[in-house]
Amino acid sequence: MVKPELSFVATCDLVAMVKGRALPRAALLDGGTGVGWVPADLALTAFGGIADPNPFGALGDLRLIPDLKTEIILPPVQGGEPLSLFLATQANLDGTAWECDPRNALRSAISRFRADSEFTIMASFEHEFTLLPLDGSQLYGSPFGLDSLRAAEPFGTQLLKTLAEIGFEVENWLPEYGAGQFEITLKPADALTAADRAVVLREVVRDVARRNSLRASFAPLLSTASISNGVHIHLSLWKDGEPATYDPGRPGDLSGAAAAAFGGILKHAESLLAWTAPSQISFLRLQPHRWSAGAIYIAKQDREALLRICPIVQFGDSDPARAFNVEYRAADATANPWLAMASLVHAMSEGVATAESGILVGTIDERPRPLPANLDDAIRAFKSDAVAQRWFAPNLVATHLGVREAEAISLLNMTDDEKCEKYSNVY
């Protein structure tokens, strides 16, 4: 394949938007020092302005250093040329990783978990989104129906072809319950790769939608009456290339290590939501009877549990242990995939460490707790959680909280439906 002449070096910011800089691919590969970046870019809100105050102001410089292993080729749009996309690490001018870089924050969380437990985490992000024709109409069809799938053509065919061309293996592609709503899931990968692919997948979906005169919105809700869009994160433990989550002799079929790790998520659940569901409309979705997380508990095959122990196939040639996983259901696409995953991995480390000390922080029989009522409650829970406060660099935490406060101020006096519409136009 002929490589494109133009490259885009990308990061994903606190509001889950892919941003970066473009330059000739040859120049990018020749220099090895990436492109310039600005610390205050981390403080951009979903609606475009920079949260003020923030820890950086006009000071400082960074470099976006491309990870050459992440290169994908995006197809031409509007008669242009293909584009080479690289995910990047935000680095200081001496080449060291910047402490507030979201991708590096996930790397650090993964390294910590491996040191604490000797396990690795495999993951997959399950994305829901809504396709909207640009003329303001809707795509119609029955819930989960063949008519719905066909109504979206040739978008679906082009999407799967594009994902195959960039090396992403699709596990599921299907029409969902809502009008114009679809779900796509990639096959599991290690936690960093899974989060990288989640960042890229959303952009590919949007890119293919634009080529078909459609708009793809991953917003948690398009209106208060609409079906919600979630991002479910599937997690499993592995050791030395073998599955380590499944133990049919234990409660919930969870191994001891898995029960401890997921117990950490239960213990810090309220704090986690400040990172995994961080918009002003996220908690309109996280309610009973919306087929999302309705309370904090873990249960088998329960789609209102915060942690759902997924079903396993026990016939044919399937190996239950290799497919067994637990699904975290309280994330959405307003969350940065690297930071959502990093917060979950840190919570799992806390669970493993606590279990090893002889204190079990969560079990399959734990009684449900209510979810925070809104983002303000989740942020208060995070601020009062001394353990969770240590998961990320102080300036990263301060910027994240500042961005969320700035967004809240910009949405003051809006109705919930007006807020949903504003987010749906961004995501």
Protein backbone atom coordinates (compact mmCIF):
# COMPACT_ATOMS: atom_id res chain seq x y z
CA MET A 1 0.00 0.00 0.00
CA VAL A 2 1.26 3.48 -0.90
CA LYS A 3 1.58 5.55 2.25
CA PRO A 4 -0.24 8.91 2.37
CA GLU A 5 1.76 12.09 2.10
CA LEU A 6 -0.02 13.73 5.06
CA SER A 7 -0.03 12.54 8.68
CA PHE A 8 -2.08 13.60 11.69
CA VAL A 9 -0.47 13.19 15.11
CA ALA A 10 -3.29 12.80 17.61
CA THR A 11 -4.09 12.81 21.27
CA CYS A 12 -7.45 12.47 23.00
CA ASP A 13 -8.27 15.19 25.51
CA LEU A 14 -10.24 15.23 28.74
CA VAL A 15 -13.54 15.60 26.91
CA ALA A 16 -12.75 12.64 24.62
CA MET A 17 -12.09 14.74 21.52
CA VAL A 18 -9.29 13.70 19.17
CA LYS A 19 -7.01 16.65 18.56
CA GLY A 20 -3.51 17.14 17.22
CA ARG A 21 -1.47 18.49 14.34
CA ALA A 22 -0.83 17.50 10.75
CA LEU A 23 2.43 17.51 8.82
CA PRO A 24 3.98 15.67 5.89
CA ARG A 25 4.48 12.02 6.79
CA ALA A 26 8.09 12.05 5.57
CA ALA A 27 8.95 14.99 7.83
CA LEU A 28 7.30 13.30 10.80
CA LEU A 29 9.30 10.10 10.36
CA ASP A 30 12.58 11.89 9.60
CA GLY A 31 12.62 14.11 12.67
CA GLY A 32 11.69 11.72 15.45
CA THR A 33 10.75 14.60 17.77
CA GLY A 34 7.08 14.88 16.87
CA VAL A 35 5.21 18.19 16.72
CA GLY A 36 4.67 21.02 19.16
CA TRP A 37 1.78 21.10 21.62
CA VAL A 38 0.60 23.32 24.47
CA PRO A 39 -0.22 22.21 28.05
CA ALA A 40 -3.36 24.38 28.21
CA ASP A 41 -4.84 22.37 25.32
CA LEU A 42 -5.72 19.82 28.01
CA ALA A 43 -8.16 22.37 29.47
CA LEU A 44 -10.35 22.61 26.35
CA THR A 45 -14.00 21.97 27.16
CA ALA A 46 -16.46 20.01 25.03
CA PHE A 47 -17.87 23.28 23.74
CA GLY A 48 -14.61 24.81 22.58
CA GLY A 49 -13.30 27.24 25.19
CA ILE A 50 -10.38 26.72 27.55
CA ALA A 51 -11.39 26.28 31.19
CA ASP A 52 -10.08 29.23 33.16
CA PRO A 53 -8.40 29.08 35.58
CA ASN A 54 -6.31 26.02 34.79
CA PRO A 55 -2.87 24.97 36.09
CA PHE A 56 -1.03 26.01 32.91
CA GLY A 57 -2.22 29.31 31.54
CA ALA A 58 -0.09 30.50 28.63
CA LEU A 59 3.08 28.87 29.95
CA GLY A 60 4.97 25.81 28.76
CA ASP A 61 5.55 23.69 25.67
CA LEU A 62 5.15 20.00 24.88
CA ARG A 63 5.76 17.61 22.01
CA LEU A 64 3.32 15.12 20.55
CA ILE A 65 5.53 12.07 19.93
CA PRO A 66 3.84 9.59 17.58
CA ASP A 67 3.71 5.95 18.56
CA LEU A 68 4.67 4.45 15.21
CA LYS A 69 2.96 1.15 16.07
CA THR A 70 -0.44 2.87 16.14
CA GLU A 71 -0.43 4.13 12.54
CA ILE A 72 -3.65 3.63 10.58
CA ILE A 73 -4.60 4.87 7.12
CA LEU A 74 -7.91 6.69 6.83
CA PRO A 75 -9.52 6.62 3.36
CA PRO A 76 -9.97 9.77 1.26
CA VAL A 77 -12.88 12.13 1.93
CA GLN A 78 -14.41 14.72 -0.41
CA GLY A 79 -12.02 13.89 -3.23
CA GLY A 80 -8.91 14.31 -1.10
CA GLU A 81 -6.10 11.89 -0.33
CA PRO A 82 -5.76 9.17 2.32
CA LEU A 83 -4.55 10.33 5.74
CA SER A 84 -2.04 8.65 8.03
CA LEU A 85 -3.09 8.83 11.71
CA PHE A 86 -0.73 8.25 14.64
CA LEU A 87 -1.66 8.24 18.32
CA ALA A 88 0.85 10.17 20.36
CA THR A 89 2.38 10.52 23.79
CA GLN A 90 2.48 14.06 25.14
CA ALA A 91 6.09 14.59 26.16
CA ASN A 92 8.21 17.24 27.83
CA LEU A 93 10.93 18.90 25.77
CA ASP A 94 13.49 16.42 27.14
CA GLY A 95 11.44 13.54 25.73
CA THR A 96 10.04 12.28 29.04
CA ALA A 97 6.31 11.61 29.23
CA TRP A 98 4.27 14.55 30.52
CA GLU A 99 2.64 13.72 33.85
CA CYS A 100 -0.78 14.90 32.61
CA ASP A 101 -0.79 12.87 29.39
CA PRO A 102 -3.95 10.66 29.45
CA ARG A 103 -2.35 7.85 27.43
CA ASN A 104 0.65 7.76 29.72
CA ALA A 105 -1.71 7.74 32.72
CA LEU A 106 -3.13 4.47 31.40
CA ARG A 107 0.35 3.05 30.84
CA SER A 108 1.19 3.83 34.46
CA ALA A 109 -2.02 2.22 35.74
CA ILE A 110 -1.34 -0.94 33.74
CA SER A 111 2.24 -1.15 35.02
CA ARG A 112 0.97 -0.76 38.57
CA PHE A 113 -1.61 -3.52 38.16
CA ARG A 114 0.95 -5.88 36.68
CA ALA A 115 3.35 -5.20 39.56
CA ASP A 116 0.62 -5.61 42.19
CA SER A 117 -0.96 -8.75 40.79
CA GLU A 118 1.18 -10.40 38.08
CA PHE A 119 -1.93 -10.39 35.89
CA THR A 120 -2.69 -8.60 32.65
CA ILE A 121 -6.05 -7.12 31.72
CA MET A 122 -7.80 -7.85 28.45
CA ALA A 123 -10.55 -5.46 27.46
CA SER A 124 -13.03 -4.45 24.81
CA PHE A 125 -15.13 -1.30 24.44
CA GLU A 126 -18.73 -1.79 23.29
CA HIS A 127 -19.92 1.42 21.64
CA GLU A 128 -23.49 2.54 20.99
CA PHE A 129 -24.25 5.48 18.71
CA THR A 130 -27.07 7.01 16.70
CA LEU A 131 -26.97 7.70 12.95
CA LEU A 132 -28.73 10.91 11.95
CA PRO A 133 -29.34 12.01 8.34
CA LEU A 134 -28.08 15.53 7.72
CA ASP A 135 -31.52 16.67 6.52
CA GLY A 136 -32.90 16.33 10.06
CA SER A 137 -34.89 13.16 9.41
CA GLN A 138 -34.45 9.82 11.19
CA LEU A 139 -33.40 6.38 10.09
CA TYR A 140 -36.41 4.17 10.70
CA GLY A 141 -36.64 0.47 11.34
CA SER A 142 -37.69 -2.01 13.98
CA PRO A 143 -35.63 -2.57 17.16
CA PHE A 144 -32.76 -4.96 16.36
CA GLY A 145 -34.36 -5.43 12.95
CA LEU A 146 -32.97 -6.44 9.59
CA ASP A 147 -34.82 -3.44 8.17
CA SER A 148 -32.81 -1.17 10.48
CA LEU A 149 -29.54 -2.73 9.39
CA ARG A 150 -30.43 -2.36 5.73
CA ALA A 151 -31.66 1.21 6.18
CA ALA A 152 -28.14 2.25 7.15
CA GLU A 153 -26.49 0.89 4.01
CA PRO A 154 -23.96 1.45 2.55
CA PHE A 155 -22.68 2.89 5.85
CA GLY A 156 -22.43 -0.48 7.60
CA THR A 157 -20.63 -2.22 4.77
CA GLN A 158 -18.16 0.66 4.40
CA LEU A 159 -17.56 0.82 8.14
CA LEU A 160 -16.68 -2.85 8.44
CA LYS A 161 -14.49 -2.67 5.34
CA THR A 162 -12.61 0.37 6.70
CA LEU A 163 -12.08 -1.27 10.09
CA ALA A 164 -10.76 -4.43 8.42
CA GLU A 165 -8.36 -2.38 6.31
CA ILE A 166 -6.83 -0.74 9.40
CA GLY A 167 -6.53 -4.08 11.20
CA PHE A 168 -9.42 -3.78 13.67
CA GLU A 169 -11.31 -7.06 14.15
CA VAL A 170 -15.05 -6.53 14.63
CA GLU A 171 -16.81 -8.84 17.07
CA ASN A 172 -20.34 -7.41 16.79
CA TRP A 173 -22.12 -4.98 14.46
CA LEU A 174 -25.85 -4.69 14.94
CA PRO A 175 -28.89 -2.44 14.96
CA GLU A 176 -29.89 -1.53 18.50
CA TYR A 177 -33.20 -0.74 20.17
CA GLY A 178 -33.56 2.94 19.28
CA ALA A 179 -34.34 4.52 15.91
CA GLY A 180 -31.07 4.80 14.00
CA GLN A 181 -29.14 3.35 16.94
CA PHE A 182 -26.31 0.89 16.35
CA GLU A 183 -23.71 -0.99 18.36
CA ILE A 184 -20.19 -2.00 17.40
CA THR A 185 -17.67 -3.97 19.44
CA LEU A 186 -14.10 -4.91 18.58
CA LYS A 187 -12.47 -8.15 19.66
CA PRO A 188 -10.65 -8.02 23.02
CA ALA A 189 -7.08 -6.78 23.28
CA ASP A 190 -4.73 -5.74 26.06
CA ALA A 191 -6.01 -2.73 28.00
CA LEU A 192 -3.85 -0.11 26.25
CA THR A 193 -4.58 -1.41 22.76
CA ALA A 194 -8.30 -1.65 23.53
CA ALA A 195 -8.37 1.98 24.70
CA ASP A 196 -6.30 3.11 21.70
CA ARG A 197 -8.77 1.41 19.39
CA ALA A 198 -11.72 2.99 21.21
CA VAL A 199 -10.24 6.42 20.53
CA VAL A 200 -9.77 5.63 16.84
CA LEU A 201 -13.03 3.71 16.35
CA ARG A 202 -15.20 6.72 17.17
CA GLU A 203 -13.37 8.81 14.58
CA VAL A 204 -13.68 6.10 11.94
CA VAL A 205 -17.43 5.83 12.59
CA ARG A 206 -17.84 9.60 12.28
CA ASP A 207 -15.63 9.65 9.17
CA VAL A 208 -17.63 6.95 7.38
CA ALA A 209 -20.89 8.61 8.42
CA ARG A 210 -19.82 11.91 6.84
CA ARG A 211 -18.97 10.10 3.60
CA ASN A 212 -22.60 8.93 3.53
CA SER A 213 -24.22 12.29 4.35
CA LEU A 214 -24.93 11.09 7.89
CA ARG A 215 -23.94 12.26 11.33
CA ALA A 216 -22.97 9.75 14.01
CA SER A 217 -23.64 10.88 17.58
CA PHE A 218 -22.21 8.99 20.56
CA ALA A 219 -23.85 11.38 23.05
CA PRO A 220 -25.30 9.59 26.11
CA LEU A 221 -28.75 10.96 25.26
CA LEU A 222 -30.02 12.92 22.28
CA SER A 223 -33.07 13.96 24.32
CA THR A 224 -34.51 12.98 27.66
CA ALA A 225 -37.04 10.78 25.86
CA SER A 226 -34.50 9.04 23.62
CA ILE A 227 -32.79 5.70 24.03
CA SER A 228 -29.40 6.13 25.67
CA ASN A 229 -25.97 5.45 24.17
CA GLY A 230 -23.43 3.81 26.46
CA VAL A 231 -19.88 2.56 26.28
CA HIS A 232 -19.67 -0.78 28.07
CA ILE A 233 -16.14 -1.84 28.99
CA HIS A 234 -15.53 -5.59 29.12
CA LEU A 235 -12.69 -6.75 31.38
CA SER A 236 -10.97 -10.04 32.12
CA LEU A 237 -7.78 -11.18 33.84
CA TRP A 238 -5.05 -13.24 32.16
CA LYS A 239 -1.77 -14.70 33.35
CA ASP A 240 0.99 -16.09 31.14
CA GLY A 241 -1.36 -16.09 28.17
CA GLU A 242 -4.08 -18.06 29.95
CA PRO A 243 -7.48 -16.86 31.25
CA ALA A 244 -7.64 -16.23 35.00
CA THR A 245 -11.13 -14.80 35.58
CA TYR A 246 -13.27 -17.95 35.57
CA ASP A 247 -13.64 -20.36 38.48
CA PRO A 248 -16.93 -22.31 38.40
CA GLY A 249 -16.47 -23.37 42.01
CA ARG A 250 -16.74 -19.83 43.39
CA PRO A 251 -19.58 -17.28 43.76
CA GLY A 252 -20.43 -15.77 40.40
CA ASP A 253 -17.87 -18.10 38.77
CA LEU A 254 -15.26 -15.46 39.60
CA SER A 255 -11.74 -16.53 40.53
CA GLY A 256 -10.35 -15.18 43.78
CA ALA A 257 -8.15 -12.67 41.95
CA ALA A 258 -11.05 -11.50 39.79
CA ALA A 259 -13.39 -11.13 42.79
CA ALA A 260 -10.78 -9.00 44.53
CA ALA A 261 -10.10 -6.85 41.44
CA PHE A 262 -13.77 -6.22 40.71
CA GLY A 263 -14.34 -5.63 44.41
CA GLY A 264 -12.03 -2.64 44.03
CA ILE A 265 -14.30 -1.24 41.35
CA LEU A 266 -17.30 -1.68 43.63
CA LYS A 267 -15.53 0.01 46.53
CA HIS A 268 -14.54 3.07 44.50
CA ALA A 269 -17.56 3.11 42.19
CA GLU A 270 -18.83 6.59 43.10
CA SER A 271 -15.35 8.07 42.50
CA LEU A 272 -14.94 6.21 39.22
CA LEU A 273 -18.03 7.84 37.77
CA ALA A 274 -16.29 11.23 37.82
CA TRP A 275 -14.05 9.78 35.09
CA THR A 276 -16.26 7.28 33.25
CA ALA A 277 -19.49 9.33 33.04
CA PRO A 278 -18.23 12.91 33.26
CA SER A 279 -20.81 15.01 31.40
CA GLN A 280 -23.76 17.00 32.69
CA ILE A 281 -26.16 14.57 30.98
CA SER A 282 -24.43 11.28 31.81
CA PHE A 283 -26.52 10.69 34.91
CA LEU A 284 -29.79 11.15 33.04
CA ARG A 285 -28.86 7.83 31.46
CA LEU A 286 -27.65 6.09 34.63
CA GLN A 287 -31.06 5.35 36.07
CA PRO A 288 -33.19 2.25 36.61
CA HIS A 289 -35.21 1.00 33.65
CA ARG A 290 -32.93 2.60 31.06
CA TRP A 291 -31.01 -0.65 30.48
CA SER A 292 -27.86 0.96 31.81
CA ALA A 293 -26.30 0.81 35.25
CA GLY A 294 -29.06 1.38 37.78
CA ALA A 295 -27.15 0.80 41.03
CA ILE A 296 -23.75 -0.24 42.37
CA TYR A 297 -23.56 -4.02 42.57
CA ILE A 298 -22.24 -7.02 40.66
CA ALA A 299 -24.52 -9.74 39.32
CA LYS A 300 -24.81 -12.40 36.67
CA GLN A 301 -26.43 -11.35 33.39
CA ASP A 302 -28.12 -8.32 34.97
CA ARG A 303 -28.14 -5.30 32.66
CA GLU A 304 -28.87 -2.84 35.45
CA ALA A 305 -25.85 -3.89 37.53
CA LEU A 306 -22.81 -1.64 37.53
CA LEU A 307 -20.78 -4.81 36.90
CA ARG A 308 -22.49 -7.47 34.83
CA ILE A 309 -20.99 -10.97 34.83
CA CYS A 310 -21.50 -11.84 31.18
CA PRO A 311 -23.02 -15.16 30.06
CA ILE A 312 -20.84 -17.92 28.68
CA VAL A 313 -21.59 -20.45 25.96
CA GLN A 314 -21.30 -23.99 27.27
CA PHE A 315 -21.88 -26.08 24.17
CA GLY A 316 -19.95 -26.90 21.03
CA ASP A 317 -16.21 -26.28 21.06
CA SER A 318 -16.35 -23.10 23.16
CA ASP A 319 -14.03 -22.68 26.12
CA PRO A 320 -15.94 -20.84 28.88
CA ALA A 321 -12.78 -19.66 30.59
CA ARG A 322 -11.46 -17.86 27.51
CA ALA A 323 -14.71 -16.01 26.86
CA PHE A 324 -15.61 -15.20 30.48
CA ASN A 325 -15.58 -11.49 31.31
CA VAL A 326 -17.22 -8.80 33.40
CA GLU A 327 -18.81 -5.73 31.87
CA TYR A 328 -18.57 -2.24 33.43
CA ARG A 329 -21.78 -0.49 32.34
CA ALA A 330 -21.45 3.06 33.65
CA ALA A 331 -19.26 4.65 30.98
CA ASP A 332 -20.18 6.77 27.99
CA ALA A 333 -18.45 8.50 25.09
CA THR A 334 -17.98 11.81 26.93
CA ALA A 335 -15.20 9.99 28.83
CA ASN A 336 -11.63 9.77 27.55
CA PRO A 337 -11.08 6.03 26.89
CA TRP A 338 -7.53 6.10 28.28
CA LEU A 339 -8.64 7.74 31.53
CA ALA A 340 -11.80 5.66 31.89
CA MET A 341 -9.68 2.53 31.56
CA ALA A 342 -6.93 3.90 33.82
CA SER A 343 -9.40 4.67 36.60
CA LEU A 344 -10.84 1.13 36.38
CA VAL A 345 -7.37 -0.43 36.38
CA HIS A 346 -6.34 1.60 39.44
CA ALA A 347 -9.51 0.54 41.26
CA MET A 348 -8.76 -3.09 40.38
CA SER A 349 -5.26 -2.66 41.80
CA GLU A 350 -6.77 -1.35 45.03
CA GLY A 351 -9.04 -4.40 45.20
CA VAL A 352 -6.18 -6.84 44.65
CA ALA A 353 -3.98 -5.11 47.20
CA THR A 354 -6.73 -5.02 49.82
CA ALA A 355 -7.64 -8.67 49.29
CA GLU A 356 -4.01 -9.67 49.67
CA SER A 357 -3.96 -7.88 53.01
CA GLY A 358 -6.85 -10.06 54.16
CA ILE A 359 -9.69 -7.56 53.77
CA LEU A 360 -12.29 -8.38 51.12
CA VAL A 361 -13.66 -5.13 49.71
CA GLY A 362 -16.42 -6.57 47.55
CA THR A 363 -18.11 -9.89 46.93
CA ILE A 364 -20.74 -11.31 44.64
CA ASP A 365 -23.25 -10.94 47.51
CA GLU A 366 -22.61 -7.24 48.17
CA ARG A 367 -25.85 -5.27 48.67
CA PRO A 368 -26.62 -2.65 45.98
CA ARG A 369 -25.79 0.99 46.65
CA PRO A 370 -27.38 3.89 44.77
CA LEU A 371 -25.39 5.60 42.06
CA PRO A 372 -24.59 9.29 42.49
CA ALA A 373 -27.58 11.34 41.42
CA ASN A 374 -25.54 13.62 39.17
CA LEU A 375 -22.00 14.57 38.19
CA ASP A 376 -21.64 16.96 41.13
CA ASP A 377 -22.25 14.07 43.54
CA ALA A 378 -19.73 11.90 41.70
CA ILE A 379 -17.11 14.64 41.84
CA ARG A 380 -17.76 15.14 45.55
CA ALA A 381 -17.27 11.40 46.04
CA PHE A 382 -13.99 11.53 44.13
CA LYS A 383 -12.75 14.52 46.15
CA SER A 384 -13.52 12.69 49.40
CA ASP A 385 -11.80 9.47 48.25
CA ALA A 386 -8.20 9.85 49.43
CA VAL A 387 -7.14 6.68 47.62
CA ALA A 388 -8.61 7.69 44.25
CA GLN A 389 -7.02 11.13 44.58
CA ARG A 390 -3.61 9.47 44.23
CA TRP A 391 -4.39 7.75 40.93
CA PHE A 392 -3.52 10.69 38.70
CA ALA A 393 -1.12 13.63 38.71
CA PRO A 394 -2.51 16.60 40.69
CA ASN A 395 -2.51 18.92 37.68
CA LEU A 396 -4.40 16.33 35.61
CA VAL A 397 -7.04 16.06 38.34
CA ALA A 398 -7.27 19.84 38.71
CA THR A 399 -7.69 20.31 34.96
CA HIS A 400 -10.32 17.57 34.71
CA LEU A 401 -12.36 19.13 37.51
CA GLY A 402 -11.90 22.61 36.05
CA VAL A 403 -13.13 21.48 32.64
CA ARG A 404 -16.23 19.91 34.17
CA GLU A 405 -16.96 23.05 36.20
CA ALA A 406 -16.60 25.23 33.09
CA GLU A 407 -19.02 23.01 31.19
CA ALA A 408 -21.52 23.16 34.03
CA ILE A 409 -21.38 26.96 34.02
CA SER A 410 -21.89 27.08 30.25
CA LEU A 411 -25.05 24.98 30.59
CA LEU A 412 -26.64 26.94 33.44
CA ASN A 413 -30.34 27.69 32.98
CA MET A 414 -30.70 25.14 30.19
CA THR A 415 -33.34 22.43 30.35
CA ASP A 416 -32.21 18.81 30.30
CA ASP A 417 -33.38 18.50 26.70
CA GLU A 418 -31.39 21.58 25.70
CA LYS A 419 -28.32 20.09 27.37
CA CYS A 420 -28.82 16.80 25.52
CA GLU A 421 -29.07 18.61 22.20
CA LYS A 422 -25.89 20.57 22.86
CA TYR A 423 -23.93 17.43 23.72
CA SER A 424 -25.40 15.50 20.79
CA ASN A 425 -24.10 18.16 18.41
CA VAL A 426 -20.57 17.73 19.83
CA TYR A 427 -20.36 13.96 20.28
